[in-house]
Amino acid sequence: MRVIVTGGAGFIGSHIVEQLLASGHEPHVIDNLSTGDRRNVPAGVVLHEVDVRNLADVQKVFEAVRPQAVTHQAAQMSVSLSVREPYFDAEVNVMGLLSVLQAADRTGVERFVFASSGGVLYGDVDVPAPETHPADPVSPYGISKWVGERYLKFYSQQSKMTCIALRYSNVFGPRQNPHGEAGVVAIFCQRLLRGESATINGDGKYIRDYVYVTDVAAANINALTQPAIEPFRPYNVGTGQPTDTNQIGEAIHRECQRLAGPGQTVPPLGHGPARAGDLRSNMIDSTRAKVDWGWTPQVDFASGLRQTVQWFHSQAGEVRH
């Protein structure tokens, strides 16, 4: 099956490309390399350096490739940036999605998978939220993901495409970009391995659901290949297990100290002011993916964190964009 992976040079997208290849499919990558890295794209996979906001360029790629399926990972992913620049967030996450949807519709794509976010749609929850939990996004990023899902539902009703939204929890793993306002795991790994201090916001008692990137990629393979239950269907992709920022920081610190050379001491973690707007607790229930596909996370948190810290350690001294 020919599959276009937007954002395929990025963190999650590149892992999807690898699993598509391993499963015997033919992935093609669209990425403008603003945050992705061409070195993440496996040899032999065609990289189209195109910005998803450019409809004409996206259309040309689709006409050349004629894909049967699409997994749309390209996105502006920073919640805080979306608050500062809501227009830019909507331009990338809404108009960029529409460019890809329109090109997919015009070239007869059969299956469209969209990277959504359970972490921003459900708000503060004390127990894992199922897909039926009311959506109440408060940030422009969350709003753009919710709008994206509404567009998917529209296209699933007006075209021959079946559409699936994958609502990720907090994804972590190798290749995550530690620059700017990335996930806490990537930021802490890079800073501590460089011998720099890392700061926990507020009291650190912010509970999240951390899922390893290869499990997220496997969920995408299921979404692309399994029979559709209905024209549009959202799926949560997470573990349902609570981990707070203090636990994350301590675990990363232990792994970094283990990898440090003889006589080297990793700087202790510090605490800074709380960040406005951070949810206190967010977890998601992925039972639907288990029932429909048999998908369950295969990498436990401790193993995933160990692999992640090891990868960042192996990249010491490299600059990856």
Protein backbone atom coordinates (compact mmCIF):
# COMPACT_ATOMS: atom_id res chain seq x y z
CA MET A 1 0.00 0.00 0.00
CA ARG A 2 1.28 3.47 -0.90
CA VAL A 3 1.04 5.78 2.10
CA ILE A 4 1.88 9.47 2.41
CA VAL A 5 3.18 10.39 5.86
CA THR A 6 3.08 14.14 6.46
CA GLY A 7 5.64 15.16 9.04
CA GLY A 8 7.44 11.92 8.22
CA ALA A 9 10.88 13.35 9.02
CA GLY A 10 9.73 14.24 12.51
CA PHE A 11 9.57 12.42 15.83
CA ILE A 12 6.41 10.33 15.52
CA GLY A 13 6.20 10.38 11.73
CA SER A 14 9.62 8.80 11.21
CA HIS A 15 8.73 5.89 13.49
CA ILE A 16 5.54 5.38 11.47
CA VAL A 17 7.59 5.34 8.26
CA GLU A 18 9.89 2.66 9.71
CA GLN A 19 6.97 0.45 10.73
CA LEU A 20 5.30 0.90 7.34
CA LEU A 21 8.49 -0.28 5.64
CA ALA A 22 8.80 -3.23 8.02
CA SER A 23 5.20 -4.20 7.20
CA GLY A 24 5.87 -4.21 3.46
CA HIS A 25 4.18 -0.91 2.58
CA GLU A 26 5.50 1.96 0.43
CA PRO A 27 5.74 5.17 2.48
CA HIS A 28 6.33 8.62 0.97
CA VAL A 29 7.22 11.55 3.21
CA ILE A 30 6.02 15.16 3.09
CA ASP A 31 7.95 17.44 5.47
CA ASN A 32 9.15 21.04 5.30
CA LEU A 33 11.98 20.18 7.75
CA SER A 34 11.14 23.12 10.03
CA THR A 35 11.34 20.73 13.00
CA GLY A 36 11.92 17.38 11.28
CA ASP A 37 15.34 16.01 10.32
CA ARG A 38 16.08 14.43 6.93
CA ARG A 39 18.34 11.93 8.71
CA ASN A 40 15.22 10.44 10.28
CA VAL A 41 13.93 9.36 6.87
CA PRO A 42 15.08 5.80 6.02
CA ALA A 43 17.19 5.25 2.92
CA GLY A 44 15.11 4.66 -0.19
CA VAL A 45 12.06 6.59 1.07
CA VAL A 46 11.27 9.66 -1.01
CA LEU A 47 11.21 12.92 0.95
CA HIS A 48 9.11 15.71 -0.58
CA GLU A 49 10.21 19.02 0.98
CA VAL A 50 6.78 20.63 0.95
CA ASP A 51 4.92 22.79 3.45
CA VAL A 52 1.43 21.41 4.06
CA ARG A 53 0.05 24.95 4.00
CA ASN A 54 0.89 25.18 0.29
CA LEU A 55 -2.09 23.51 -1.37
CA ALA A 56 -0.64 23.61 -4.88
CA ASP A 57 2.59 21.88 -3.84
CA VAL A 58 0.73 19.31 -1.75
CA GLN A 59 -1.58 18.56 -4.67
CA LYS A 60 1.41 17.96 -6.98
CA VAL A 61 2.86 15.40 -4.58
CA PHE A 62 -0.45 13.57 -4.28
CA GLU A 63 -0.90 13.48 -8.06
CA ALA A 64 2.62 12.07 -8.47
CA VAL A 65 2.37 9.46 -5.70
CA ARG A 66 -1.32 8.51 -5.98
CA PRO A 67 -1.43 7.16 -2.41
CA GLN A 68 -4.08 4.81 -1.14
CA ALA A 69 -3.78 6.12 2.42
CA VAL A 70 -2.48 9.10 4.40
CA THR A 71 -1.35 9.57 7.97
CA HIS A 72 -1.20 13.27 8.80
CA GLN A 73 1.39 13.99 11.50
CA ALA A 74 2.55 17.44 10.38
CA ALA A 75 1.53 19.99 12.99
CA GLN A 76 2.35 22.94 15.19
CA MET A 77 2.58 21.09 18.50
CA SER A 78 3.25 23.69 21.20
CA VAL A 79 0.31 24.63 23.43
CA SER A 80 2.05 27.74 24.75
CA LEU A 81 3.00 28.89 21.25
CA SER A 82 -0.61 28.47 20.19
CA VAL A 83 -1.64 30.79 23.02
CA ARG A 84 0.87 33.42 21.90
CA GLU A 85 0.24 32.96 18.18
CA PRO A 86 -3.24 31.51 17.60
CA TYR A 87 -3.28 32.61 13.95
CA PHE A 88 -0.09 30.68 13.19
CA ASP A 89 -1.41 27.65 15.05
CA ALA A 90 -4.61 27.65 12.98
CA GLU A 91 -2.69 28.27 9.77
CA VAL A 92 -0.62 25.11 10.27
CA ASN A 93 -3.06 22.85 12.12
CA VAL A 94 -6.31 23.77 10.35
CA MET A 95 -5.37 25.12 6.92
CA GLY A 96 -2.49 22.64 6.61
CA LEU A 97 -4.85 19.79 7.38
CA LEU A 98 -7.39 21.09 4.86
CA SER A 99 -4.71 21.21 2.15
CA VAL A 100 -3.89 17.55 2.76
CA LEU A 101 -7.54 16.51 3.04
CA GLN A 102 -8.44 18.25 -0.20
CA ALA A 103 -5.51 16.72 -2.08
CA ALA A 104 -6.37 13.30 -0.65
CA ASP A 105 -10.00 13.62 -1.69
CA ARG A 106 -9.10 14.73 -5.22
CA THR A 107 -6.73 11.79 -5.76
CA GLY A 108 -9.01 9.06 -4.43
CA VAL A 109 -7.38 8.29 -1.08
CA GLU A 110 -9.28 5.53 0.72
CA ARG A 111 -8.09 5.95 4.34
CA PHE A 112 -7.08 9.13 6.19
CA VAL A 113 -5.52 9.04 9.66
CA PHE A 114 -5.11 12.24 11.68
CA ALA A 115 -2.87 12.90 14.70
CA SER A 116 -5.20 14.42 17.26
CA SER A 117 -4.64 14.86 20.99
CA GLY A 118 -6.42 13.36 23.97
CA GLY A 119 -4.14 15.41 26.18
CA VAL A 120 -5.81 18.67 25.18
CA LEU A 121 -9.35 17.63 24.24
CA TYR A 122 -10.53 16.25 27.56
CA GLY A 123 -9.13 18.79 30.03
CA ASP A 124 -8.54 17.93 33.69
CA VAL A 125 -9.67 14.37 34.43
CA ASP A 126 -9.01 12.24 37.52
CA VAL A 127 -9.63 8.90 35.78
CA PRO A 128 -8.72 7.83 32.21
CA ALA A 129 -11.16 9.51 29.81
CA PRO A 130 -12.80 7.45 27.03
CA GLU A 131 -13.53 8.81 23.54
CA THR A 132 -17.10 9.57 24.67
CA HIS A 133 -15.87 12.08 27.27
CA PRO A 134 -17.02 15.60 26.28
CA ALA A 135 -14.38 17.61 24.44
CA ASP A 136 -13.64 20.98 26.03
CA PRO A 137 -10.33 22.31 24.66
CA VAL A 138 -9.16 25.56 26.22
CA SER A 139 -6.02 26.35 24.19
CA PRO A 140 -5.88 27.31 20.51
CA TYR A 141 -3.88 24.11 19.93
CA GLY A 142 -6.65 22.02 21.43
CA ILE A 143 -9.27 23.96 19.49
CA SER A 144 -7.41 23.36 16.23
CA LYS A 145 -7.27 19.61 16.90
CA TRP A 146 -10.98 19.53 17.68
CA VAL A 147 -11.75 21.51 14.53
CA GLY A 148 -9.54 19.07 12.61
CA GLU A 149 -11.63 16.16 13.82
CA ARG A 150 -14.81 17.94 12.71
CA TYR A 151 -13.31 18.36 9.23
CA LEU A 152 -12.43 14.67 9.15
CA LYS A 153 -16.00 13.78 9.98
CA PHE A 154 -17.23 16.11 7.22
CA TYR A 155 -14.93 14.53 4.62
CA SER A 156 -15.89 11.03 5.73
CA GLN A 157 -19.52 11.91 4.98
CA GLN A 158 -18.90 13.79 1.72
CA SER A 159 -16.25 11.57 0.09
CA LYS A 160 -15.24 7.93 -0.19
CA MET A 161 -12.53 8.28 2.45
CA THR A 162 -12.82 6.59 5.82
CA CYS A 163 -11.25 8.82 8.46
CA ILE A 164 -9.70 8.03 11.83
CA ALA A 165 -8.52 10.46 14.50
CA LEU A 166 -5.87 9.14 16.88
CA ARG A 167 -6.00 11.04 20.15
CA TYR A 168 -2.48 10.70 21.55
CA SER A 169 -1.58 11.08 25.19
CA ASN A 170 1.95 12.34 26.02
CA VAL A 171 4.25 10.65 23.50
CA PHE A 172 7.94 10.18 24.31
CA GLY A 173 10.90 8.33 22.86
CA PRO A 174 13.99 8.59 20.64
CA ARG A 175 14.13 11.46 18.10
CA GLN A 176 11.86 13.75 20.07
CA ASN A 177 12.95 17.34 19.45
CA PRO A 178 14.29 18.85 22.70
CA HIS A 179 14.43 22.39 21.33
CA GLY A 180 11.90 25.11 21.96
CA GLU A 181 8.86 23.95 23.90
CA ALA A 182 8.99 20.20 23.42
CA GLY A 183 7.95 17.41 25.77
CA VAL A 184 9.44 17.33 29.26
CA VAL A 185 11.20 13.99 28.66
CA ALA A 186 13.23 15.30 25.71
CA ILE A 187 14.08 18.58 27.44
CA PHE A 188 15.19 16.92 30.68
CA CYS A 189 17.24 14.29 28.83
CA GLN A 190 19.17 16.82 26.83
CA ARG A 191 19.82 19.25 29.67
CA LEU A 192 20.90 16.69 32.27
CA LEU A 193 23.14 14.79 29.84
CA ARG A 194 24.85 18.10 29.03
CA GLY A 195 25.49 18.69 32.70
CA GLU A 196 22.93 21.49 32.85
CA SER A 197 20.21 21.89 35.44
CA ALA A 198 16.59 21.05 34.62
CA THR A 199 13.64 22.84 36.18
CA ILE A 200 10.32 21.31 37.20
CA ASN A 201 7.42 23.74 36.93
CA GLY A 202 5.60 24.43 40.18
CA ASP A 203 5.24 21.53 42.61
CA GLY A 204 5.64 18.96 39.80
CA LYS A 205 2.42 17.19 40.75
CA TYR A 206 1.08 17.33 37.21
CA ILE A 207 -0.19 13.89 36.21
CA ARG A 208 0.15 12.73 32.61
CA ASP A 209 -0.27 9.55 30.59
CA TYR A 210 3.06 8.75 28.87
CA VAL A 211 3.05 6.43 25.85
CA TYR A 212 6.14 5.23 23.97
CA VAL A 213 6.54 6.32 20.37
CA THR A 214 6.76 2.84 18.80
CA ASP A 215 3.40 1.98 20.36
CA VAL A 216 1.95 5.14 18.79
CA ALA A 217 3.42 4.13 15.43
CA ALA A 218 1.84 0.68 15.79
CA ALA A 219 -1.54 2.32 16.44
CA ASN A 220 -1.11 4.23 13.18
CA ILE A 221 -0.43 1.00 11.28
CA ASN A 222 -3.65 -0.43 12.72
CA ALA A 223 -5.58 2.71 11.81
CA LEU A 224 -4.28 2.54 8.24
CA THR A 225 -4.89 -1.16 7.65
CA GLN A 226 -7.67 -2.53 9.86
CA PRO A 227 -11.27 -2.63 8.55
CA ALA A 228 -13.18 0.56 9.30
CA ILE A 229 -15.93 0.31 11.93
CA GLU A 230 -17.63 3.49 10.69
CA PRO A 231 -16.81 6.35 8.25
CA PHE A 232 -15.26 8.47 11.02
CA ARG A 233 -14.07 7.13 14.34
CA PRO A 234 -11.73 8.57 17.01
CA TYR A 235 -9.37 6.38 19.04
CA ASN A 236 -7.41 7.17 22.18
CA VAL A 237 -3.76 6.11 22.12
CA GLY A 238 -2.27 5.97 25.60
CA THR A 239 -1.62 3.78 28.62
CA GLY A 240 -4.10 5.09 31.17
CA GLN A 241 -1.27 5.02 33.74
CA PRO A 242 -0.62 8.17 35.82
CA THR A 243 2.91 9.59 36.11
CA ASP A 244 3.66 13.02 37.51
CA THR A 245 6.46 15.38 36.53
CA ASN A 246 8.43 14.75 39.71
CA GLN A 247 8.48 11.01 38.96
CA ILE A 248 9.55 11.70 35.36
CA GLY A 249 12.34 14.00 36.51
CA GLU A 250 13.65 11.58 39.13
CA ALA A 251 13.59 8.63 36.71
CA ILE A 252 15.43 10.56 34.00
CA HIS A 253 17.96 11.81 36.56
CA ARG A 254 18.70 8.22 37.67
CA GLU A 255 19.19 7.05 34.08
CA CYS A 256 21.45 10.01 33.27
CA GLN A 257 23.52 9.41 36.39
CA ARG A 258 23.90 5.74 35.40
CA LEU A 259 25.27 6.80 32.00
CA ALA A 260 27.55 9.53 33.38
CA GLY A 261 31.24 8.84 33.37
CA PRO A 262 33.27 8.00 36.51
CA GLY A 263 33.38 10.91 38.92
CA GLN A 264 30.71 12.85 37.05
CA THR A 265 27.66 14.07 38.89
CA VAL A 266 24.43 14.98 37.12
CA PRO A 267 23.09 18.33 38.39
CA PRO A 268 20.12 18.06 40.74
CA LEU A 269 16.65 18.96 39.54
CA GLY A 270 15.24 22.33 40.52
CA HIS A 271 11.76 23.78 40.89
CA GLY A 272 10.53 26.96 39.23
CA PRO A 273 7.25 28.84 39.13
CA ALA A 274 4.12 27.06 37.97
CA ARG A 275 3.21 27.52 34.31
CA ALA A 276 -0.16 29.14 33.73
CA GLY A 277 -2.75 26.89 32.11
CA ASP A 278 -1.10 23.53 32.85
CA LEU A 279 -3.65 20.79 33.50
CA ARG A 280 -3.33 19.08 36.86
CA SER A 281 -4.33 15.62 35.67
CA ASN A 282 -4.86 14.10 32.26
CA MET A 283 -5.13 10.42 31.30
CA ILE A 284 -6.94 8.58 28.52
CA ASP A 285 -8.69 5.22 28.19
CA SER A 286 -7.64 3.22 25.10
CA THR A 287 -10.08 0.35 25.49
CA ARG A 288 -11.66 1.08 22.10
CA ALA A 289 -8.36 0.46 20.26
CA LYS A 290 -7.93 -2.81 22.17
CA VAL A 291 -11.44 -4.00 21.33
CA ASP A 292 -11.41 -2.94 17.65
CA TRP A 293 -7.79 -3.73 16.77
CA GLY A 294 -6.25 -5.66 19.62
CA TRP A 295 -3.86 -2.72 20.19
CA THR A 296 -2.29 -2.36 23.61
CA PRO A 297 0.97 -0.62 24.61
CA GLN A 298 3.89 -3.04 24.39
CA VAL A 299 6.64 -0.87 25.95
CA ASP A 300 6.35 -0.13 29.66
CA PHE A 301 7.33 3.29 30.95
CA ALA A 302 10.61 2.23 32.61
CA SER A 303 11.87 0.40 29.49
CA GLY A 304 10.82 3.23 27.19
CA LEU A 305 12.51 5.84 29.36
CA ARG A 306 15.72 3.81 29.48
CA GLN A 307 15.77 3.54 25.68
CA THR A 308 15.01 7.24 25.32
CA VAL A 309 17.78 8.41 27.65
CA GLN A 310 20.21 6.02 25.93
CA TRP A 311 19.31 7.52 22.55
CA PHE A 312 19.86 11.08 23.74
CA HIS A 313 23.16 9.97 25.26
CA SER A 314 24.20 8.52 21.89
CA GLN A 315 23.41 11.85 20.24
CA ALA A 316 25.58 13.91 22.58
CA GLY A 317 27.34 16.62 20.63
CA GLU A 318 25.04 16.34 17.60
CA VAL A 319 22.66 19.07 16.58
CA ARG A 320 19.47 17.69 15.07
CA HIS A 321 16.89 19.98 13.47
